[in-house]
Amino acid sequence: MLSIQTILHPTDLSPRSEYALQLACSLARDHGARLIVLHVMGTHGRTGLSRVVMGSVAEEVSREALCPVLTVKNPFAQAAS
């Protein structure tokens, strides 16, 4: 089993990111891991199909990271604006 010692949770602190923070807290608790919350300047300037599926920053991190990366889709439907 993968030993998780540290979890990095980059977030823009938006309401949409709350679910991912709750998941990161749960994973840290369950694995006795340290949780680092990093505030980042979010953007919605996505282009291309890959950025429709996953944000441009998440796509880049997932592709380039030398460690496991978990991306989380918000399970709650967005209210129509």
Protein backbone atom coordinates (compact mmCIF):
# COMPACT_ATOMS: atom_id res chain seq x y z
CA MET A 1 0.00 0.00 0.00
CA LEU A 2 1.17 3.52 -0.79
CA SER A 3 2.55 5.32 2.26
CA ILE A 4 1.17 8.85 2.29
CA GLN A 5 3.17 11.21 4.49
CA THR A 6 2.35 14.64 3.08
CA ILE A 7 -0.61 15.93 1.08
CA LEU A 8 -0.36 19.22 -0.80
CA HIS A 9 -3.73 20.84 -1.43
CA PRO A 10 -3.42 23.78 -3.84
CA THR A 11 -6.62 25.82 -3.76
CA ASP A 12 -8.05 29.13 -4.88
CA LEU A 13 -10.32 29.04 -1.79
CA SER A 14 -13.40 29.35 -4.00
CA PRO A 15 -16.69 27.76 -2.96
CA ARG A 16 -16.17 25.21 -5.76
CA SER A 17 -12.93 24.00 -4.14
CA GLU A 18 -14.50 23.19 -0.75
CA TYR A 19 -15.21 19.53 -1.62
CA ALA A 20 -11.58 18.92 -2.57
CA LEU A 21 -10.42 20.48 0.72
CA GLN A 22 -12.75 18.21 2.68
CA LEU A 23 -11.36 15.21 0.80
CA ALA A 24 -7.76 16.30 1.42
CA CYS A 25 -8.49 16.68 5.16
CA SER A 26 -10.05 13.22 5.28
CA LEU A 27 -7.12 11.61 3.45
CA ALA A 28 -4.62 13.33 5.76
CA ARG A 29 -6.53 12.19 8.83
CA ASP A 30 -6.93 8.61 7.61
CA HIS A 31 -3.24 8.26 6.72
CA GLY A 32 -1.80 10.27 9.59
CA ALA A 33 -0.31 12.60 6.98
CA ARG A 34 0.65 16.24 7.12
CA LEU A 35 -1.66 18.53 5.08
CA ILE A 36 -0.22 21.60 3.40
CA VAL A 37 -2.78 24.04 2.01
CA LEU A 38 -1.37 26.29 -0.72
CA HIS A 39 -3.40 29.29 -1.85
CA VAL A 40 -2.99 29.73 -5.73
CA MET A 41 -4.36 32.52 -8.17
CA GLY A 42 -7.11 30.39 -10.03
CA THR A 43 -8.08 31.07 -13.64
CA HIS A 44 -10.72 29.79 -15.98
CA GLY A 45 -8.85 30.62 -19.19
CA ARG A 46 -8.93 27.05 -20.48
CA THR A 47 -8.50 26.08 -24.10
CA GLY A 48 -8.64 22.78 -25.91
CA LEU A 49 -10.41 19.53 -25.08
CA SER A 50 -8.00 18.48 -22.31
CA ARG A 51 -8.69 21.71 -20.48
CA VAL A 52 -12.44 21.20 -20.77
CA VAL A 53 -12.11 17.89 -18.93
CA MET A 54 -9.64 19.18 -16.34
CA GLY A 55 -8.37 22.71 -15.64
CA SER A 56 -5.19 23.82 -17.36
CA VAL A 57 -3.14 23.89 -14.15
CA ALA A 58 -4.39 20.47 -13.01
CA GLU A 59 -3.66 19.02 -16.43
CA GLU A 60 -0.10 20.37 -16.40
CA VAL A 61 0.62 19.17 -12.85
CA SER A 62 -0.78 15.71 -13.57
CA ARG A 63 1.40 15.40 -16.66
CA GLU A 64 4.65 16.71 -15.13
CA ALA A 65 4.54 15.54 -11.48
CA LEU A 66 7.08 13.05 -10.21
CA CYS A 67 4.69 11.90 -7.49
CA PRO A 68 1.11 10.59 -7.48
CA VAL A 69 -1.52 13.28 -8.20
CA LEU A 70 -5.20 13.05 -7.32
CA THR A 71 -7.61 15.41 -9.07
CA VAL A 72 -11.14 15.77 -7.75
CA LYS A 73 -14.25 16.67 -9.67
CA ASN A 74 -16.89 18.46 -7.63
CA PRO A 75 -19.76 15.96 -7.34
CA PHE A 76 -22.40 18.65 -6.94
CA ALA A 77 -24.13 20.10 -9.98
CA GLN A 78 -23.65 23.81 -10.51
CA ALA A 79 -26.78 25.94 -10.28
CA ALA A 80 -27.80 27.50 -13.57
CA SER A 81 -26.80 31.17 -13.72
